[in-house]
Protein backbone atom coordinates (compact mmCIF):
# COMPACT_ATOMS: atom_id res chain seq x y z
CA MET A 1 0.00 0.00 0.00
CA ARG A 2 2.80 2.38 0.98
CA LYS A 3 4.65 1.51 -2.22
CA HIS A 4 1.59 2.30 -4.32
CA LEU A 5 1.13 5.60 -2.48
CA ILE A 6 4.73 6.61 -3.21
CA ILE A 7 4.28 5.76 -6.89
CA TYR A 8 1.05 7.78 -6.99
CA ILE A 9 2.66 10.82 -5.33
CA PHE A 10 5.61 10.61 -7.73
CA ALA A 11 3.28 10.45 -10.76
CA VAL A 12 1.20 13.40 -9.58
CA THR A 13 4.30 15.46 -8.80
CA THR A 14 5.76 14.70 -12.21
CA ALA A 15 2.53 15.71 -13.93
CA ILE A 16 2.46 19.00 -12.02
CA ILE A 17 6.07 19.74 -12.93
CA LEU A 18 5.43 19.01 -16.60
CA THR A 19 2.31 21.16 -16.56
CA LEU A 20 4.18 24.04 -14.97
CA ALA A 21 7.00 23.60 -17.45
CA GLY A 22 4.53 23.82 -20.29
CA CYS A 23 3.06 27.01 -18.84
CA GLY A 24 6.53 28.41 -18.47
CA ASN A 25 7.25 27.78 -22.14
CA ARG A 26 4.20 29.81 -23.09
CA ASP A 27 5.67 32.73 -21.16
CA ILE A 28 8.67 32.82 -23.47
CA PRO A 29 8.31 34.70 -26.79
CA VAL A 30 7.56 32.44 -29.73
CA THR A 31 10.78 33.47 -31.44
CA LYS A 32 12.50 31.97 -28.42
CA ASN A 33 15.81 31.06 -30.05
CA GLU A 34 16.38 34.73 -30.85
CA GLN A 35 15.34 35.74 -27.35
CA TYR A 36 17.88 33.47 -25.72
CA VAL A 37 20.67 34.92 -27.85
CA SER A 38 19.74 38.44 -26.79
CA GLY A 39 19.00 37.52 -23.17
CA ILE A 40 15.31 38.40 -23.49
CA THR A 41 13.14 36.49 -21.03
CA TRP A 42 9.56 36.82 -19.83
CA ASP A 43 10.56 39.03 -16.89
CA ASN A 44 12.51 41.65 -18.90
CA ALA A 45 10.58 41.59 -22.18
CA ALA A 46 8.49 44.42 -23.58
CA ILE A 47 6.61 45.10 -26.81
CA ILE A 48 6.76 48.17 -29.04
CA ASN A 49 3.21 49.56 -29.20
CA ASP A 50 3.47 52.23 -31.91
CA ALA A 51 3.99 51.82 -35.66
CA VAL A 52 7.55 53.19 -35.79
CA VAL A 53 9.49 54.24 -32.69
CA ASP A 54 12.78 56.15 -32.67
CA VAL A 55 15.64 54.60 -30.68
CA PHE A 56 18.09 57.24 -29.44
CA SER A 57 21.68 57.07 -28.22
CA ARG A 58 20.72 58.91 -25.01
CA ASN A 59 17.51 59.66 -23.15
CA ASP A 60 17.13 62.89 -25.08
CA ILE A 61 15.23 63.48 -28.34
CA LEU A 62 18.07 65.76 -29.46
CA SER A 63 20.56 62.90 -29.29
CA THR A 64 21.43 60.68 -32.27
CA ARG A 65 18.73 58.39 -33.64
CA ILE A 66 20.45 54.98 -33.71
CA THR A 67 17.65 53.07 -35.40
CA GLN A 68 13.90 52.52 -35.20
CA ALA A 69 11.78 49.75 -33.70
CA LEU A 70 8.58 48.58 -35.36
CA PHE A 71 5.14 47.81 -33.98
CA ASN A 72 4.81 44.56 -32.02
CA GLN A 73 8.59 44.08 -31.95
CA ILE A 74 9.86 42.43 -28.80
CA VAL A 75 12.71 44.09 -26.93
CA LYS A 76 14.64 43.67 -23.70
CA ILE A 77 14.29 46.29 -20.97
CA VAL A 78 17.77 47.23 -19.74
CA SER A 79 16.96 50.15 -17.43
CA GLN A 80 14.50 52.98 -16.88
CA GLU A 81 15.03 56.65 -16.09
CA GLY A 82 12.11 59.01 -15.77
CA SER A 83 9.95 58.86 -18.88
CA TRP A 84 12.62 56.93 -20.80
CA THR A 85 13.48 53.24 -21.07
CA ARG A 86 16.74 51.79 -22.30
CA ILE A 87 16.09 48.76 -24.47
CA MET A 88 18.03 46.16 -26.41
CA LEU A 89 16.79 44.91 -29.78
CA LEU A 90 17.18 41.36 -31.04
CA ASP A 91 20.21 42.33 -33.10
CA GLY A 92 21.97 43.57 -29.95
CA THR A 93 21.46 47.29 -30.61
CA THR A 94 20.92 49.21 -27.37
CA GLY A 95 19.28 52.63 -27.07
CA TRP A 96 16.62 54.76 -25.43
CA VAL A 97 12.90 55.04 -26.24
CA LYS A 98 10.07 56.96 -24.61
CA THR A 99 8.47 54.61 -22.07
CA LYS A 100 4.97 55.32 -23.44
CA TYR A 101 5.92 53.46 -26.62
CA ILE A 102 6.44 50.08 -24.95
CA SER A 103 4.10 47.64 -23.22
CA ARG A 104 5.00 45.01 -20.64
CA ASP A 105 2.13 42.80 -21.83
CA THR A 106 3.89 40.25 -24.03
CA SER A 107 0.89 37.97 -24.58
CA CYS A 108 0.69 39.12 -28.22
CA VAL A 109 3.88 37.13 -28.90
CA THR A 110 3.66 34.43 -26.22
CA ASP A 111 0.07 33.20 -26.37
CA GLY A 112 -0.09 29.42 -26.68
CA SER A 113 -2.65 29.57 -29.50
CA ILE A 114 -0.33 31.43 -31.90
CA ASN A 115 0.29 29.44 -35.07
CA ASN A 116 1.67 31.90 -37.64
CA LYS A 117 4.00 34.88 -37.78
CA ILE A 118 2.47 37.46 -40.15
CA VAL A 119 5.15 39.54 -41.87
CA VAL A 120 4.15 42.77 -43.63
CA THR A 121 5.65 42.85 -47.14
CA ALA A 122 3.69 45.80 -48.56
CA LYS A 123 4.85 49.38 -47.96
CA THR A 124 2.08 49.77 -45.38
CA VAL A 125 -1.02 47.84 -44.30
CA TYR A 126 -3.83 48.56 -41.86
CA VAL A 127 -4.57 46.56 -38.74
CA TYR A 128 -8.33 46.52 -38.04
CA ILE A 129 -10.38 45.94 -34.91
CA GLY A 130 -14.12 45.88 -34.15
CA THR A 131 -16.83 43.25 -34.30
CA ASP A 132 -16.64 43.11 -38.09
CA ASN A 133 -12.98 44.11 -38.39
CA ASP A 134 -14.15 47.42 -39.81
CA ILE A 135 -12.33 49.93 -37.59
CA LYS A 136 -8.81 51.00 -38.56
CA TYR A 137 -6.65 50.54 -35.47
CA LYS A 138 -3.17 51.30 -36.79
CA GLN A 139 -1.24 51.58 -40.02
CA VAL A 140 1.93 49.50 -39.87
CA VAL A 141 4.92 49.38 -42.17
CA LEU A 142 6.89 46.86 -44.21
CA GLY A 143 8.87 44.54 -41.95
CA THR A 144 6.34 44.60 -39.10
CA GLU A 145 5.72 41.16 -37.58
CA LEU A 146 2.38 40.20 -36.05
CA TYR A 147 1.29 36.87 -34.60
CA SER A 148 -1.86 35.10 -35.75
CA VAL A 149 -4.14 32.72 -33.88
CA SER A 150 -6.45 31.86 -36.79
CA LYS A 151 -7.06 32.34 -40.51
CA THR A 152 -10.21 33.86 -41.98
CA LYS A 153 -11.35 33.77 -45.61
CA THR A 154 -9.58 36.99 -46.46
CA GLY A 155 -7.04 37.56 -43.70
CA TYR A 156 -5.66 36.71 -40.29
CA ASP A 157 -6.80 37.26 -36.72
CA VAL A 158 -3.82 38.69 -34.85
CA LEU A 159 -2.88 39.48 -31.27
CA LEU A 160 -1.89 43.06 -30.42
CA PRO A 161 -0.09 44.76 -27.53
CA ASN A 162 -2.04 45.70 -24.41
CA ASN A 163 -4.28 42.63 -24.66
CA LYS A 164 -6.02 43.74 -27.86
CA LYS A 165 -7.09 41.64 -30.83
CA GLY A 166 -7.06 42.66 -34.46
CA TRP A 167 -7.21 41.52 -38.05
CA VAL A 168 -5.17 42.08 -41.22
CA GLU A 169 -6.02 41.35 -44.84
CA ASP A 170 -3.99 38.61 -46.50
CA GLY A 171 -2.81 40.97 -49.25
CA GLY A 172 0.54 42.56 -48.50
CA VAL A 173 1.61 40.01 -45.88
CA ILE A 174 3.10 36.53 -45.73
CA ALA A 175 2.35 33.88 -43.10
CA VAL A 176 5.25 31.94 -41.61
CA PRO A 177 4.43 28.97 -39.33
CA VAL A 178 5.90 29.61 -35.87
CA SER A 179 7.34 26.11 -35.96
CA GLN A 180 9.52 27.30 -38.84
CA ASN A 181 10.87 30.13 -36.64
CA SER A 182 12.40 32.09 -39.53
CA ILE A 183 11.29 33.82 -42.72
CA PRO A 184 12.05 31.69 -45.81
CA LYS A 185 14.97 32.89 -47.90
CA THR A 186 13.84 34.20 -51.28
CA SER A 187 16.27 35.40 -53.96
CA ALA A 188 18.38 38.34 -55.03
CA GLN A 189 15.56 39.41 -57.33
CA GLY A 190 13.06 39.30 -54.46
CA PHE A 191 15.45 41.41 -52.41
CA ILE A 192 15.72 44.01 -55.19
CA GLN A 193 11.94 44.12 -55.56
CA THR A 194 11.56 44.86 -51.86
CA VAL A 195 14.26 47.54 -51.90
CA SER A 196 12.56 49.15 -54.91
CA LYS A 197 9.32 49.56 -52.93
CA PHE A 198 11.09 52.28 -50.96
CA GLU A 199 11.89 54.47 -53.98
CA GLY A 200 10.81 58.03 -53.23
CA THR A 201 11.05 57.55 -49.45
CA ILE A 202 12.68 60.47 -47.66
CA TYR A 203 16.06 60.07 -45.97
CA ILE A 204 16.07 59.84 -42.17
CA ILE A 205 19.22 58.87 -40.33
CA GLY A 206 18.54 55.64 -38.44
CA GLY A 207 15.24 55.11 -40.29
CA VAL A 208 13.93 51.69 -41.31
CA SER A 209 10.45 52.43 -42.66
CA ARG A 210 8.51 53.82 -45.63
CA TRP A 211 8.16 57.04 -43.64
CA GLY A 212 11.92 57.65 -43.64
CA ILE A 213 14.98 55.46 -44.08
CA ASP A 214 18.77 55.52 -44.45
CA SER A 215 20.85 53.22 -46.65
CA PRO A 216 21.83 50.67 -43.95
CA GLY A 217 18.19 50.58 -42.81
CA LEU A 218 17.05 50.04 -46.39
CA CYS A 219 19.31 47.00 -46.79
CA TYR A 220 18.61 45.69 -43.28
CA ILE A 221 14.80 45.68 -43.41
CA SER A 222 14.60 44.55 -47.06
CA SER A 223 16.95 41.61 -46.58
CA ARG A 224 15.22 40.58 -43.35
CA ILE A 225 11.80 40.07 -44.91
CA ASN A 226 13.47 38.10 -47.68
CA GLY A 227 14.91 35.64 -45.18
CA VAL A 228 18.47 36.94 -44.78
CA GLU A 229 19.57 38.51 -41.50
CA ILE A 230 22.32 41.12 -41.77
CA PRO A 231 23.62 43.57 -39.15
CA ARG A 232 21.94 46.97 -38.80
CA ASN A 233 25.27 48.71 -38.21
CA ILE A 234 27.03 49.61 -41.46
CA LYS A 235 30.51 48.64 -40.24
CA GLU A 236 29.25 45.17 -39.33
CA MET A 237 27.22 45.04 -42.54
CA ALA A 238 30.47 45.49 -44.47
CA LYS A 239 31.67 42.15 -43.06
CA THR A 240 28.54 40.14 -43.80
CA GLY A 241 28.04 37.68 -46.65
CA THR A 242 30.79 36.88 -49.14
CA GLY A 243 33.14 39.38 -50.75
CA VAL A 244 33.15 39.55 -54.57
CA THR A 245 35.01 41.66 -57.13
CA LEU A 246 33.57 44.33 -59.38
CA ASP A 247 33.81 41.92 -62.32
CA GLU A 248 31.89 39.25 -60.37
CA MET A 249 29.15 41.62 -59.21
CA LYS A 250 25.55 40.46 -59.66
CA PRO A 251 22.14 42.04 -59.01
CA GLY A 252 21.33 41.94 -55.27
CA ASP A 253 24.93 42.46 -54.13
CA LEU A 254 25.66 45.16 -51.54
CA LEU A 255 27.96 47.96 -52.67
CA MET A 256 29.94 49.40 -49.77
CA PHE A 257 31.03 53.01 -50.31
CA SER A 258 33.71 55.14 -48.66
CA THR A 259 33.44 58.83 -47.84
CA ASP A 260 36.04 59.57 -50.54
CA ASN A 261 38.29 57.80 -53.04
CA VAL A 262 40.99 57.24 -50.41
CA LYS A 263 38.74 54.39 -49.22
CA LYS A 264 39.75 54.37 -45.57
CA ASP A 265 36.22 53.96 -44.18
CA VAL A 266 32.77 52.60 -44.96
CA SER A 267 30.12 55.30 -44.89
CA GLY A 268 27.40 54.18 -47.30
CA VAL A 269 25.77 51.15 -48.89
CA GLY A 270 23.64 50.50 -51.93
CA VAL A 271 22.03 47.53 -53.66
CA TYR A 272 23.16 46.68 -57.19
CA LYS A 273 20.19 46.37 -59.58
CA GLY A 274 22.07 45.41 -62.75
CA ASN A 275 22.90 47.45 -65.87
CA ASN A 276 25.38 49.53 -63.86
CA GLU A 277 22.60 50.85 -61.59
CA PHE A 278 22.19 50.72 -57.83
CA ILE A 279 19.59 51.92 -55.34
CA HIS A 280 20.37 53.68 -52.08
CA SER A 281 19.08 56.36 -49.71
CA SER A 282 20.71 59.68 -50.46
CA PRO A 283 20.78 62.25 -47.61
CA SER A 284 19.71 64.95 -50.07
CA ARG A 285 17.32 63.01 -52.35
CA GLY A 286 15.99 60.06 -50.39
CA VAL A 287 15.75 56.58 -51.92
CA VAL A 288 16.85 56.83 -55.55
CA THR A 289 18.54 54.85 -58.31
CA ASP A 290 21.96 56.06 -59.42
CA SER A 291 24.51 54.90 -61.98
CA LEU A 292 27.96 53.46 -61.41
CA GLU A 293 28.99 55.20 -64.62
CA ASP A 294 29.17 58.25 -62.38
CA SER A 295 32.79 58.25 -61.20
CA TYR A 296 31.71 59.87 -57.92
CA TYR A 297 30.25 56.51 -56.87
CA LYS A 298 32.43 54.05 -58.75
CA ASN A 299 35.66 55.50 -57.31
CA ARG A 300 34.32 55.17 -53.77
CA ILE A 301 33.45 51.44 -53.81
CA VAL A 302 35.30 49.83 -50.92
CA ASP A 303 33.86 46.33 -51.13
CA ILE A 304 31.03 44.29 -52.61
CA ARG A 305 29.21 41.78 -50.42
CA ARG A 306 26.94 38.98 -51.66
CA ILE A 307 24.14 38.04 -49.25
CA PHE A 308 21.83 36.14 -51.66
């Protein structure tokens, strides 16, 4: 009898432990492999709750904009000071955001019923709410990642920060099963097509969206939604992929430019489109296509990196 009781207690205890373990797993963001790398756990995680949020070098809006974080992006809280929070992004970038732009409710990326990551591939799409999904809740930009719990005839039910629920149309997005954990790699041509969607966008230092972007941001966000992760920082970007020569250059390659023809630094990047043309974000003209027949650009090429 005593032996049976011990076995029973052991079985019940094991079941409780397994149940608690399962609950614990649901508390960890669905992109959990990335979270572990960046040290993001359920107790220090937060979610960006506005469409595009500036990340500054200091807790001062007059400081340098390092980059931008997109709606529903998960970040690590490093510290807080007044109305500012210091965060770390998945790529390791650390900076300051206004605290009002983050939410500590991470259920929109940790809910156990999530089955698909919804990646925005159009320049912008609307997220809707309401009983008939007829109220525009927020306009989000290319590269935004939402998490879906179910598919409708024409779109996806998604979870939103602050315990809200929404819906997006299936046009302008792709669905990636969470079990896959990464966006499928496309091709150099797909990469170029995404980059070209930004033509006409104004230049903003540190920008990564259709509402303002710089050249590293253009390459970073466009490659990411085509399944290739590259660093956001231009100096690190210059080391990514495989180096090729000017004679070997193909469409989709990254052209790394120096400030001048002495070529002692890397200050700019563009995407080669073919026919001696490349696309980049010019500080004076925004996202434009220029020609390598212009010696101003050709004489400043430091390196060429192939990422597709």
